[in-house]
Amino acid sequence: MRLKHKLTFLFILLFVLPVLAHEFWLEPQQYIFSRTEEVNIRFKAGEHFTGENWHGNNQKVKLLHLYYADVMDDLSEDGLTEEEGDSLQFSMHEDGTVLVAFNNTNSFIELEAEKFNAYLEEDGLQSAIDYRRQHNETDSIGREYYQRSVKTIIQVGSTKTNVYKKKTELPVDIIPLSHPYALKNGDSLTVQVLFHDEPLANSMIKTWHKHTTGVTTASYISNEKGQITFPVTTSGEWMVSCVHMTRLEDDSKALWQSYWGSLTWGYTGKNINTAMAR
């Protein structure tokens, strides 16, 4: 790619990614809690694992589930209010690992061809790029529905349970295969990405590590099992994210449906040493 084309591509990215609120994740005020301590989980949108509170409310909720021990609480109806930018608040009265999963209703976006192509390139959506090229759509407007499939894992006290690897009803489900709060500093973590309960193979998966000096990112391609493996530093906050896009054939408004997935966890809280103890 020549320099002029590179600069044009970067300019397009700088414009289009904020329009899409490129990343979306669940962000508690901390990740390590004591029993009865209040948990406040915000719904965040932005760039480079840095963003602002969303503008949604209970009208955008398609699924909102809270998992702990052997229990699943469905918070879809009363977990959020009608207030714009509302957050999820609760407290746990027993030790254990807690998983929160959220899926929102579809939103629609229409992008000029160059901006849509840049977005596809940025997220490694090669099948959509190839389809547009093969069907002479590269210069066509991109019309898309998109929705979010996001999870966060927090730890209450020192008792660790298998909730962390619980399969959810999210269309895109990012599942760690080891307990994030049982890792030692420098251990590797394998995560598996499922799309409608099937491994999402050969897809770009990104990792994000927010620490005191900034945010470190890396990109991986999932194997045939939908898995990637990466080293973890047991400090700061972590996110794994991906985008999966499918072609729509019989919709009068959109040509594409995308599913944006993310998983967050972290090592911040008042009782981190107790919670991290094996």
Foldseek 3Di string as FASTA:
>chain_A
DDPVVVVVLVVLCVPQCVVVLPAWAWDWPAFEAAAPDKIKIFIAGHPQPDGDGAFAWLQFFPFKWKDWDPDIDTCSPPQTDRHTSTIGMDGHHDWEKMKIKTKTDKDKDKAFLSSVVSVCVVQVVVVVVVVCVVVVNSRPIAIEIEMEIYMEMGGYFADYDPPQQDDDQGQKDKGWPDDPLQDDAFDKIKIFIHGRNQGDFQGKKKKWFQDPVGIDMDIDGHHNRRMDMDTDGQAGKMKIKHKHKDADDPDPGHGMYMYIYMYMHHQDDDPSVRRSDD
